[in-house]
Structure formats: structure tokens, C-alpha cells
PDB file of N, CA and C in Angstrom:
ATOM      1  N   MET A   1       6.017 -21.383 -16.876  1.00  0.00           N
ATOM      2  CA  MET A   1       4.781 -22.083 -16.661  1.00  0.00           C
ATOM      3  C   MET A   1       4.249 -21.702 -15.288  1.00  0.00           C
ATOM      4  N   ALA A   2       2.975 -21.708 -15.137  1.00  0.00           N
ATOM      5  CA  ALA A   2       2.339 -21.315 -13.889  1.00  0.00           C
ATOM      6  C   ALA A   2       1.597 -22.499 -13.281  1.00  0.00           C
ATOM      7  N   THR A   3       1.684 -22.646 -11.989  1.00  0.00           N
ATOM      8  CA  THR A   3       0.971 -23.703 -11.291  1.00  0.00           C
ATOM      9  C   THR A   3      -0.309 -23.122 -10.722  1.00  0.00           C
ATOM     10  N   LEU A   4      -1.438 -23.681 -11.116  1.00  0.00           N
ATOM     11  CA  LEU A   4      -2.723 -23.183 -10.671  1.00  0.00           C
ATOM     12  C   LEU A   4      -3.277 -24.068  -9.560  1.00  0.00           C
ATOM     13  N   PRO A   5      -4.137 -23.520  -8.713  1.00  0.00           N
ATOM     14  CA  PRO A   5      -4.675 -24.278  -7.591  1.00  0.00           C
ATOM     15  C   PRO A   5      -5.733 -25.280  -8.028  1.00  0.00           C
ATOM     16  N   ALA A   6      -6.050 -26.204  -7.135  1.00  0.00           N
ATOM     17  CA  ALA A   6      -7.168 -27.134  -7.296  1.00  0.00           C
ATOM     18  C   ALA A   6      -7.058 -27.999  -8.545  1.00  0.00           C
ATOM     19  N   GLY A   7      -5.841 -28.314  -8.954  1.00  0.00           N
ATOM     20  CA  GLY A   7      -5.670 -29.189 -10.112  1.00  0.00           C
ATOM     21  C   GLY A   7      -6.171 -28.585 -11.410  1.00  0.00           C
ATOM     22  N   CYS A   8      -6.094 -27.271 -11.543  1.00  0.00           N
ATOM     23  CA  CYS A   8      -6.601 -26.604 -12.745  1.00  0.00           C
ATOM     24  C   CYS A   8      -5.657 -26.740 -13.934  1.00  0.00           C
ATOM     25  N   GLY A   9      -4.553 -27.426 -13.780  1.00  0.00           N
ATOM     26  CA  GLY A   9      -3.619 -27.591 -14.883  1.00  0.00           C
ATOM     27  C   GLY A   9      -2.417 -26.685 -14.741  1.00  0.00           C
ATOM     28  N   ILE A  10      -1.502 -26.797 -15.687  1.00  0.00           N
ATOM     29  CA  ILE A  10      -0.295 -25.974 -15.693  1.00  0.00           C
ATOM     30  C   ILE A  10      -0.181 -25.340 -17.080  1.00  0.00           C
ATOM     31  N   PRO A  11      -0.737 -24.127 -17.256  1.00  0.00           N
ATOM     32  CA  PRO A  11      -0.687 -23.511 -18.584  1.00  0.00           C
ATOM     33  C   PRO A  11       0.660 -22.869 -18.860  1.00  0.00           C
ATOM     34  N   LEU A  12       1.058 -22.915 -20.096  1.00  0.00           N
ATOM     35  CA  LEU A  12       2.250 -22.195 -20.536  1.00  0.00           C
ATOM     36  C   LEU A  12       1.845 -20.747 -20.740  1.00  0.00           C
ATOM     37  N   ILE A  13       2.490 -19.815 -20.032  1.00  0.00           N
ATOM     38  CA  ILE A  13       2.012 -18.444 -20.064  1.00  0.00           C
ATOM     39  C   ILE A  13       2.821 -17.520 -20.954  1.00  0.00           C
ATOM     40  N   ASP A  14       4.008 -17.924 -21.348  1.00  0.00           N
ATOM     41  CA  ASP A  14       4.786 -17.058 -22.227  1.00  0.00           C
ATOM     42  C   ASP A  14       5.760 -17.907 -23.016  1.00  0.00           C
ATOM     43  N   GLY A  15       5.930 -17.564 -24.248  1.00  0.00           N
ATOM     44  CA  GLY A  15       6.917 -18.242 -25.074  1.00  0.00           C
ATOM     45  C   GLY A  15       6.466 -19.571 -25.643  1.00  0.00           C
ATOM     46  N   ASN A  16       5.160 -19.842 -25.636  1.00  0.00           N
ATOM     47  CA  ASN A  16       4.700 -21.135 -26.122  1.00  0.00           C
ATOM     48  C   ASN A  16       5.052 -21.350 -27.589  1.00  0.00           C
ATOM     49  N   HIS A  17       5.057 -20.292 -28.389  1.00  0.00           N
ATOM     50  CA  HIS A  17       5.420 -20.443 -29.794  1.00  0.00           C
ATOM     51  C   HIS A  17       6.896 -20.812 -29.941  1.00  0.00           C
ATOM     52  N   ARG A  18       7.757 -20.251 -29.082  1.00  0.00           N
ATOM     53  CA  ARG A  18       9.184 -20.593 -29.142  1.00  0.00           C
ATOM     54  C   ARG A  18       9.412 -22.030 -28.665  1.00  0.00           C
ATOM     55  N   ALA A  19       8.679 -22.438 -27.620  1.00  0.00           N
ATOM     56  CA  ALA A  19       8.813 -23.814 -27.127  1.00  0.00           C
ATOM     57  C   ALA A  19       8.328 -24.816 -28.179  1.00  0.00           C
ATOM     58  N   ALA A  20       7.207 -24.513 -28.820  1.00  0.00           N
ATOM     59  CA  ALA A  20       6.682 -25.407 -29.857  1.00  0.00           C
ATOM     60  C   ALA A  20       7.660 -25.533 -31.020  1.00  0.00           C
ATOM     61  N   ARG A  21       8.258 -24.419 -31.424  1.00  0.00           N
ATOM     62  CA  ARG A  21       9.240 -24.454 -32.520  1.00  0.00           C
ATOM     63  C   ARG A  21      10.462 -25.278 -32.116  1.00  0.00           C
ATOM     64  N   ALA A  22      10.937 -25.090 -30.877  1.00  0.00           N
ATOM     65  CA  ALA A  22      12.100 -25.841 -30.408  1.00  0.00           C
ATOM     66  C   ALA A  22      11.793 -27.333 -30.367  1.00  0.00           C
ATOM     67  N   LEU A  23      10.609 -27.690 -29.893  1.00  0.00           N
ATOM     68  CA  LEU A  23      10.222 -29.111 -29.887  1.00  0.00           C
ATOM     69  C   LEU A  23      10.165 -29.663 -31.305  1.00  0.00           C
ATOM     70  N   ARG A  24       9.561 -28.910 -32.203  1.00  0.00           N
ATOM     71  CA  ARG A  24       9.449 -29.334 -33.599  1.00  0.00           C
ATOM     72  C   ARG A  24      10.816 -29.544 -34.220  1.00  0.00           C
ATOM     73  N   ASP A  25      11.745 -28.611 -33.920  1.00  0.00           N
ATOM     74  CA  ASP A  25      13.073 -28.653 -34.515  1.00  0.00           C
ATOM     75  C   ASP A  25      14.053 -29.543 -33.754  1.00  0.00           C
ATOM     76  N   GLY A  26      13.615 -30.075 -32.617  1.00  0.00           N
ATOM     77  CA  GLY A  26      14.498 -30.916 -31.809  1.00  0.00           C
ATOM     78  C   GLY A  26      15.556 -30.118 -31.066  1.00  0.00           C
ATOM     79  N   SER A  27      15.306 -28.828 -30.856  1.00  0.00           N
ATOM     80  CA  SER A  27      16.262 -27.965 -30.164  1.00  0.00           C
ATOM     81  C   SER A  27      15.977 -27.940 -28.667  1.00  0.00           C
ATOM     82  N   ASP A  28      17.015 -27.664 -27.898  1.00  0.00           N
ATOM     83  CA  ASP A  28      16.850 -27.481 -26.462  1.00  0.00           C
ATOM     84  C   ASP A  28      16.205 -26.137 -26.188  1.00  0.00           C
ATOM     85  N   PHE A  29      15.453 -26.063 -25.097  1.00  0.00           N
ATOM     86  CA  PHE A  29      14.908 -24.784 -24.647  1.00  0.00           C
ATOM     87  C   PHE A  29      14.740 -24.840 -23.141  1.00  0.00           C
ATOM     88  N   PHE A  30      14.629 -23.680 -22.537  1.00  0.00           N
ATOM     89  CA  PHE A  30      14.516 -23.557 -21.091  1.00  0.00           C
ATOM     90  C   PHE A  30      13.079 -23.202 -20.726  1.00  0.00           C
ATOM     91  N   ALA A  31      12.584 -23.833 -19.676  1.00  0.00           N
ATOM     92  CA  ALA A  31      11.262 -23.487 -19.140  1.00  0.00           C
ATOM     93  C   ALA A  31      11.375 -23.390 -17.629  1.00  0.00           C
ATOM     94  N   ALA A  32      10.688 -22.430 -17.063  1.00  0.00           N
ATOM     95  CA  ALA A  32      10.643 -22.273 -15.604  1.00  0.00           C
ATOM     96  C   ALA A  32       9.217 -22.524 -15.140  1.00  0.00           C
ATOM     97  N   VAL A  33       9.064 -23.340 -14.102  1.00  0.00           N
ATOM     98  CA  VAL A  33       7.753 -23.618 -13.533  1.00  0.00           C
ATOM     99  C   VAL A  33       7.616 -22.796 -12.257  1.00  0.00           C
ATOM    100  N   LEU A  34       6.585 -21.967 -12.221  1.00  0.00           N
ATOM    101  CA  LEU A  34       6.320 -21.156 -11.042  1.00  0.00           C
ATOM    102  C   LEU A  34       5.460 -21.943 -10.064  1.00  0.00           C
ATOM    103  N   ASP A  35       5.766 -21.850  -8.777  1.00  0.00           N
ATOM    104  CA  ASP A  35       4.904 -22.503  -7.789  1.00  0.00           C
ATOM    105  C   ASP A  35       3.654 -21.641  -7.588  1.00  0.00           C
ATOM    106  N   GLU A  36       2.720 -22.105  -6.738  1.00  0.00           N
ATOM    107  CA  GLU A  36       1.469 -21.375  -6.562  1.00  0.00           C
ATOM    108  C   GLU A  36       1.688 -19.959  -6.045  1.00  0.00           C
ATOM    109  N   ASN A  37       2.602 -19.769  -5.112  1.00  0.00           N
ATOM    110  CA  ASN A  37       2.856 -18.427  -4.580  1.00  0.00           C
ATOM    111  C   ASN A  37       3.399 -17.493  -5.660  1.00  0.00           C
ATOM    112  N   GLU A  38       4.324 -17.990  -6.469  1.00  0.00           N
ATOM    113  CA  GLU A  38       4.885 -17.173  -7.541  1.00  0.00           C
ATOM    114  C   GLU A  38       3.817 -16.857  -8.593  1.00  0.00           C
ATOM    115  N   THR A  39       2.964 -17.833  -8.879  1.00  0.00           N
ATOM    116  CA  THR A  39       1.897 -17.637  -9.845  1.00  0.00           C
ATOM    117  C   THR A  39       0.915 -16.577  -9.361  1.00  0.00           C
ATOM    118  N   LEU A  40       0.512 -16.662  -8.089  1.00  0.00           N
ATOM    119  CA  LEU A  40      -0.408 -15.673  -7.536  1.00  0.00           C
ATOM    120  C   LEU A  40       0.221 -14.285  -7.558  1.00  0.00           C
ATOM    121  N   GLU A  41       1.494 -14.185  -7.236  1.00  0.00           N
ATOM    122  CA  GLU A  41       2.177 -12.888  -7.281  1.00  0.00           C
ATOM    123  C   GLU A  41       2.196 -12.331  -8.705  1.00  0.00           C
ATOM    124  N   LEU A  42       2.440 -13.178  -9.688  1.00  0.00           N
ATOM    125  CA  LEU A  42       2.416 -12.745 -11.086  1.00  0.00           C
ATOM    126  C   LEU A  42       1.027 -12.248 -11.468  1.00  0.00           C
ATOM    127  N   LEU A  43      -0.014 -12.981 -11.063  1.00  0.00           N
ATOM    128  CA  LEU A  43      -1.377 -12.535 -11.335  1.00  0.00           C
ATOM    129  C   LEU A  43      -1.651 -11.178 -10.688  1.00  0.00           C
ATOM    130  N   ARG A  44      -1.220 -11.014  -9.453  1.00  0.00           N
ATOM    131  CA  ARG A  44      -1.448  -9.748  -8.743  1.00  0.00           C
ATOM    132  C   ARG A  44      -0.760  -8.593  -9.450  1.00  0.00           C
ATOM    133  N   ARG A  45       0.424  -8.828  -9.976  1.00  0.00           N
ATOM    134  CA  ARG A  45       1.145  -7.765 -10.687  1.00  0.00           C
ATOM    135  C   ARG A  45       0.456  -7.409 -11.995  1.00  0.00           C
ATOM    136  N   SER A  46      -0.124  -8.404 -12.663  1.00  0.00           N
ATOM    137  CA  SER A  46      -0.716  -8.152 -13.974  1.00  0.00           C
ATOM    138  C   SER A  46      -2.191  -7.772 -13.905  1.00  0.00           C
ATOM    139  N   MET A  47      -2.929  -8.275 -12.898  1.00  0.00           N
ATOM    140  CA  MET A  47      -4.379  -8.049 -12.827  1.00  0.00           C
ATOM    141  C   MET A  47      -4.797  -7.138 -11.678  1.00  0.00           C
ATOM    142  N   GLY A  48      -3.893  -6.868 -10.757  1.00  0.00           N
ATOM    143  CA  GLY A  48      -4.258  -6.148  -9.548  1.00  0.00           C
ATOM    144  C   GLY A  48      -4.678  -7.137  -8.470  1.00  0.00           C
ATOM    145  N   LYS A  49      -4.511  -6.756  -7.222  1.00  0.00           N
ATOM    146  CA  LYS A  49      -4.749  -7.666  -6.100  1.00  0.00           C
ATOM    147  C   LYS A  49      -6.198  -8.131  -6.013  1.00  0.00           C
ATOM    148  N   ALA A  50      -7.158  -7.212  -6.103  1.00  0.00           N
ATOM    149  CA  ALA A  50      -8.570  -7.586  -5.945  1.00  0.00           C
ATOM    150  C   ALA A  50      -9.020  -8.558  -7.036  1.00  0.00           C
ATOM    151  N   ASN A  51      -8.717  -8.250  -8.299  1.00  0.00           N
ATOM    152  CA  ASN A  51      -9.117  -9.133  -9.399  1.00  0.00           C
ATOM    153  C   ASN A  51      -8.442 -10.490  -9.313  1.00  0.00           C
ATOM    154  N   SER A  52      -7.134 -10.484  -9.068  1.00  0.00           N
ATOM    155  CA  SER A  52      -6.412 -11.758  -9.038  1.00  0.00           C
ATOM    156  C   SER A  52      -6.834 -12.613  -7.853  1.00  0.00           C
ATOM    157  N   ASP A  53      -7.073 -12.002  -6.691  1.00  0.00           N
ATOM    158  CA  ASP A  53      -7.502 -12.779  -5.529  1.00  0.00           C
ATOM    159  C   ASP A  53      -8.885 -13.393  -5.758  1.00  0.00           C
ATOM    160  N   ASP A  54      -9.778 -12.644  -6.416  1.00  0.00           N
ATOM    161  CA  ASP A  54     -11.093 -13.187  -6.738  1.00  0.00           C
ATOM    162  C   ASP A  54     -10.965 -14.348  -7.721  1.00  0.00           C
ATOM    163  N   TYR A  55     -10.154 -14.162  -8.764  1.00  0.00           N
ATOM    164  CA  TYR A  55      -9.929 -15.210  -9.762  1.00  0.00           C
ATOM    165  C   TYR A  55      -9.335 -16.449  -9.108  1.00  0.00           C
ATOM    166  N   TRP A  56      -8.348 -16.252  -8.237  1.00  0.00           N
ATOM    167  CA  TRP A  56      -7.682 -17.361  -7.548  1.00  0.00           C
ATOM    168  C   TRP A  56      -8.682 -18.123  -6.671  1.00  0.00           C
ATOM    169  N   LYS A  57      -9.526 -17.386  -5.959  1.00  0.00           N
ATOM    170  CA  LYS A  57     -10.522 -18.011  -5.082  1.00  0.00           C
ATOM    171  C   LYS A  57     -11.492 -18.876  -5.899  1.00  0.00           C
ATOM    172  N   ARG A  58     -11.904 -18.371  -7.065  1.00  0.00           N
ATOM    173  CA  ARG A  58     -12.797 -19.152  -7.929  1.00  0.00           C
ATOM    174  C   ARG A  58     -12.099 -20.402  -8.461  1.00  0.00           C
ATOM    175  N   MET A  59     -10.810 -20.316  -8.788  1.00  0.00           N
ATOM    176  CA  MET A  59     -10.082 -21.499  -9.242  1.00  0.00           C
ATOM    177  C   MET A  59      -9.953 -22.520  -8.119  1.00  0.00           C
ATOM    178  N   LEU A  60      -9.710 -22.048  -6.893  1.00  0.00           N
ATOM    179  CA  LEU A  60      -9.612 -22.965  -5.756  1.00  0.00           C
ATOM    180  C   LEU A  60     -10.905 -23.743  -5.553  1.00  0.00           C
ATOM    181  N   ALA A  61     -12.027 -23.095  -5.831  1.00  0.00           N
ATOM    182  CA  ALA A  61     -13.328 -23.731  -5.631  1.00  0.00           C
ATOM    183  C   ALA A  61     -13.740 -24.615  -6.806  1.00  0.00           C
ATOM    184  N   SER A  62     -13.005 -24.559  -7.910  1.00  0.00           N
ATOM    185  CA  SER A  62     -13.388 -25.332  -9.096  1.00  0.00           C
ATOM    186  C   SER A  62     -12.998 -26.793  -8.940  1.00  0.00           C
ATOM    187  N   LYS A  63     -13.613 -27.607  -9.745  1.00  0.00           N
ATOM    188  CA  LYS A  63     -13.321 -29.041  -9.740  1.00  0.00           C
ATOM    189  C   LYS A  63     -12.239 -29.341 -10.770  1.00  0.00           C
ATOM    190  N   THR A  64     -11.451 -30.354 -10.509  1.00  0.00           N
ATOM    191  CA  THR A  64     -10.414 -30.782 -11.426  1.00  0.00           C
ATOM    192  C   THR A  64     -11.064 -31.338 -12.698  1.00  0.00           C
ATOM    193  N   HIS A  65     -10.516 -30.972 -13.831  1.00  0.00           N
ATOM    194  CA  HIS A  65     -11.006 -31.508 -15.107  1.00  0.00           C
ATOM    195  C   HIS A  65     -10.609 -32.965 -15.205  1.00  0.00           C
ATOM    196  N   PRO A  66     -11.506 -33.837 -15.689  1.00  0.00           N
ATOM    197  CA  PRO A  66     -11.208 -35.267 -15.785  1.00  0.00           C
ATOM    198  C   PRO A  66      -9.954 -35.595 -16.601  1.00  0.00           C
ATOM    199  N   MET A  67      -9.580 -34.718 -17.543  1.00  0.00           N
ATOM    200  CA  MET A  67      -8.405 -34.995 -18.369  1.00  0.00           C
ATOM    201  C   MET A  67      -7.094 -34.557 -17.708  1.00  0.00           C
ATOM    202  N   ASP A  68      -7.177 -33.778 -16.609  1.00  0.00           N
ATOM    203  CA  ASP A  68      -5.970 -33.371 -15.902  1.00  0.00           C
ATOM    204  C   ASP A  68      -5.416 -34.559 -15.130  1.00  0.00           C
ATOM    205  N   LYS A  69      -4.103 -34.667 -15.102  1.00  0.00           N
ATOM    206  CA  LYS A  69      -3.476 -35.781 -14.381  1.00  0.00           C
ATOM    207  C   LYS A  69      -2.740 -35.259 -13.185  1.00  0.00           C
TER     208      LYS A  69
END
């Protein structure tokens, strides 16, 4: 899971189908939550530094969704 800035939520980024199946079946599963620094590094590796930094800056400037807790 990735932690996004400015209260943008915590999206599941990989294995969501396996987690959903495990929950449905009552099975144990492992999840790792990345902090903001780890999340930004992952974005930089997958999107490149310029794109990810721009995306991150826009998320920082966004408002929290009313349904986020």
C-alpha cells in the first residue's frame, strides 16, 4: 500500500485481487504500507523523477476528499 500526501488516501497498488480473495475466503495475507518517502521513490522509479515530482506536487496541493478519514 502507498501513503499519499495531503490526505489523498491509501490506495492498494499491487495484489488487490489476491487480498480481496483472501478476505473473501477468510485467509491470512500480508500487506506492507509504504510511507510517503518510500511511495515517492516508487513513483520515481516507475514514472521518472520529473513526472513523479510533478504528480506529487499536484497531490500535495489537492484538498482532502470528504470521505477520507
